[in-house]
Protein backbone atom coordinates (compact mmCIF):
# COMPACT_ATOMS: atom_id res chain seq x y z
CA MET A 1 32.80 -43.24 0.15
CA LYS A 2 35.65 -41.14 1.49
CA PRO A 3 38.10 -43.23 3.55
CA GLU A 4 37.67 -40.84 6.48
CA TYR A 5 33.92 -41.54 6.46
CA GLN A 6 34.62 -45.28 6.40
CA HIS A 7 36.87 -44.80 9.41
CA ILE A 8 34.13 -42.90 11.27
CA LEU A 9 31.62 -45.68 10.56
CA HIS A 10 34.14 -48.28 11.76
CA GLU A 11 34.57 -46.28 14.97
CA ALA A 12 30.78 -46.13 15.32
CA LEU A 13 30.54 -49.90 15.03
CA ILE A 14 33.29 -50.46 17.59
CA ASN A 15 31.57 -48.02 19.97
CA LYS A 16 28.01 -49.25 19.38
CA GLU A 17 27.38 -50.31 23.00
CA ASP A 18 28.81 -47.09 24.39
CA SER A 19 26.68 -45.10 21.94
CA LEU A 20 23.58 -46.98 23.09
CA GLU A 21 24.31 -46.19 26.74
CA SER A 22 24.98 -42.55 25.86
CA LEU A 23 21.71 -42.26 23.96
CA LYS A 24 19.81 -43.79 26.88
CA SER A 25 21.44 -41.33 29.25
CA LEU A 26 20.77 -38.38 26.96
CA LYS A 27 17.12 -39.43 26.78
CA LYS A 28 16.89 -38.98 30.56
CA GLN A 29 18.55 -35.55 30.39
CA ALA A 30 16.58 -34.21 27.45
CA ASN A 31 15.39 -30.64 27.81
CA HIS A 32 15.03 -27.55 25.66
CA GLN A 33 18.65 -26.47 26.18
CA LEU A 34 19.95 -29.90 25.15
CA VAL A 35 17.77 -29.86 22.02
CA GLU A 36 19.20 -26.45 21.09
CA SER A 37 22.72 -27.79 21.67
CA LEU A 38 21.92 -30.77 19.47
CA LYS A 39 20.76 -28.49 16.66
CA SER A 40 23.97 -26.50 16.97
CA CYS A 41 26.03 -29.72 16.81
CA HIS A 42 24.04 -30.79 13.75
CA GLN A 43 24.80 -27.54 11.93
CA GLU A 44 28.47 -27.64 12.85
CA VAL A 45 28.98 -31.25 11.73
CA PHE A 46 27.02 -30.87 8.51
CA SER A 47 29.04 -27.77 7.62
CA LYS A 48 32.02 -30.16 7.32
CA ILE A 49 30.40 -33.36 5.97
CA ASP A 50 29.87 -33.82 2.24
CA CYS A 51 26.89 -36.14 1.82
CA LEU A 52 27.73 -36.56 -1.87
CA ALA A 53 31.05 -38.12 -0.84
CA CYS A 54 29.15 -40.76 1.12
CA ALA A 55 25.51 -41.48 0.22
CA ASN A 56 25.63 -44.52 2.51
CA CYS A 57 22.04 -43.87 3.57
CA CYS A 58 20.89 -44.16 -0.06
CA LYS A 59 23.02 -47.25 -0.58
CA THR A 60 21.90 -49.17 2.52
CA SER A 61 18.58 -47.93 3.93
CA PRO A 62 15.34 -47.61 2.03
CA PRO A 63 13.39 -44.60 3.32
CA LEU A 64 9.85 -44.81 4.57
CA VAL A 65 7.50 -43.16 2.10
CA THR A 66 4.14 -41.64 2.80
CA ASN A 67 1.18 -41.46 0.45
CA LYS A 68 1.94 -37.75 0.11
CA ASP A 69 5.53 -38.60 -0.94
CA ILE A 70 4.24 -41.16 -3.44
CA LYS A 71 1.83 -38.67 -5.05
CA ARG A 72 4.47 -35.93 -5.24
CA ILE A 73 7.18 -38.17 -6.72
CA ALA A 74 4.79 -39.90 -9.12
CA GLN A 75 3.60 -36.53 -10.41
CA HIS A 76 7.22 -35.46 -10.90
CA LEU A 77 7.92 -38.67 -12.84
CA LYS A 78 4.71 -38.22 -14.85
CA MET A 79 3.17 -41.49 -13.71
CA THR A 80 0.20 -42.46 -11.61
CA PRO A 81 0.72 -43.01 -7.90
CA LYS A 82 -0.52 -46.58 -8.38
CA LEU A 83 2.08 -47.31 -11.05
CA PHE A 84 4.80 -45.62 -8.97
CA GLU A 85 3.90 -47.82 -6.00
CA ARG A 86 3.88 -50.97 -8.10
CA LYS A 87 7.28 -50.14 -9.57
CA TYR A 88 9.17 -48.69 -6.58
CA VAL A 89 7.41 -49.33 -3.25
CA ILE A 90 6.98 -52.24 -0.88
CA GLU A 91 4.60 -52.35 2.09
CA ASP A 92 5.47 -54.27 5.26
CA ILE A 93 3.10 -56.19 7.52
CA ASN A 94 2.60 -53.05 9.65
CA GLY A 95 1.45 -51.06 6.63
CA GLU A 96 4.64 -48.98 6.42
CA LYS A 97 5.79 -48.26 2.90
CA SER A 98 9.36 -47.88 1.72
CA PHE A 99 11.32 -48.04 -1.49
CA SER A 100 11.68 -51.68 -2.44
CA GLN A 101 15.36 -51.66 -3.37
CA VAL A 102 18.76 -50.63 -2.09
CA PRO A 103 20.72 -48.91 -3.33
CA CYS A 104 17.92 -46.46 -4.01
CA PHE A 105 16.44 -46.49 -7.50
CA PHE A 106 17.04 -42.75 -7.72
CA LEU A 107 20.69 -42.70 -6.64
CA GLN A 108 22.91 -41.75 -9.55
CA GLU A 109 26.55 -42.75 -10.09
CA ASP A 110 27.77 -39.41 -8.74
CA ASN A 111 25.76 -39.97 -5.53
CA ARG A 112 23.20 -37.35 -6.50
CA CYS A 113 19.50 -38.02 -6.21
CA SER A 114 17.58 -37.86 -9.48
CA ILE A 115 14.42 -36.81 -7.58
CA TYR A 116 16.14 -34.58 -5.02
CA GLU A 117 13.62 -31.73 -5.25
CA VAL A 118 10.71 -34.09 -4.58
CA ARG A 119 12.48 -36.74 -2.46
CA PRO A 120 10.60 -38.41 0.42
CA GLU A 121 10.24 -36.53 3.67
CA ALA A 122 12.31 -39.25 5.41
CA CYS A 123 15.21 -38.45 3.07
CA ARG A 124 14.82 -34.71 3.66
CA ASN A 125 15.08 -35.17 7.42
CA TYR A 126 17.73 -37.89 7.56
CA PRO A 127 19.55 -38.55 9.90
CA HIS A 128 17.03 -36.74 12.13
CA THR A 129 19.79 -35.19 14.24
CA ASP A 130 18.26 -31.73 14.40
CA GLU A 131 14.76 -32.73 15.45
CA ASP A 132 13.11 -32.05 18.80
CA ALA A 133 12.22 -35.76 19.09
CA TYR A 134 15.85 -36.90 18.69
CA PHE A 135 16.29 -37.87 22.32
CA ILE A 136 13.26 -40.17 22.45
CA ARG A 137 14.31 -42.30 19.44
CA THR A 138 17.21 -44.27 20.90
CA SER A 139 17.08 -47.25 18.51
CA LEU A 140 16.70 -45.13 15.38
CA ASN A 141 19.56 -42.85 16.41
CA LEU A 142 21.83 -45.77 17.24
CA ASN A 143 21.14 -47.36 13.84
CA ASN A 144 21.78 -44.04 12.12
CA THR A 145 25.24 -43.75 13.72
CA LEU A 146 26.14 -47.01 11.95
CA ILE A 147 24.97 -45.69 8.56
CA CYS A 148 25.73 -41.98 8.61
CA PRO A 149 29.15 -40.63 9.63
CA ALA A 150 27.55 -37.30 10.53
CA ALA A 151 25.10 -38.97 12.92
CA PHE A 152 27.97 -40.57 14.83
CA LEU A 153 29.96 -37.31 14.92
CA ILE A 154 26.90 -35.43 16.18
CA LEU A 155 26.41 -37.97 18.97
CA LYS A 156 30.09 -37.65 19.94
CA LYS A 157 29.80 -33.87 19.94
CA ILE A 158 26.62 -33.75 22.03
CA LYS A 159 28.22 -36.19 24.48
CA SER A 160 31.26 -33.92 24.78
CA ILE A 161 29.15 -30.91 25.78
CA THR A 162 27.18 -32.86 28.38
CA ASP A 163 28.62 -34.63 31.37
CA LEU A 164 28.74 -37.91 29.40
CA LYS A 165 32.20 -39.23 28.62
């Protein structure tokens, strides 16, 4: 991981409580205009962040996988969904499925994903910073700021354009 990304994640950890309060406040202010601003912040930050120089999400957080994801990936790997599940998936007590290992089975040494074209929907959408539901998922967003440098930078940017300081 780039040292600058490590620094951002360190800053996120130091500012965890402030980030939580900001996310709670943003949740109360959420409206269409704020969602559009968020999406703009997302695009701006991700135009400068190189995920391949980080891949911390793939190294630390197994994505949730749906049955649709399992079928699509299994087909790509030329195996049955049942075999794919047995080999790569774990189910929790709530019935949610995720990859059973971190770092991700499919993360290569160069931080590329060997199943990128068919990766789980959760991976496609991570860190969920351009979604309409962003402002209602306080815990998820807080956790993502501690994993993804871009998520923390996006939160800082959206705070700077609101009256939050």
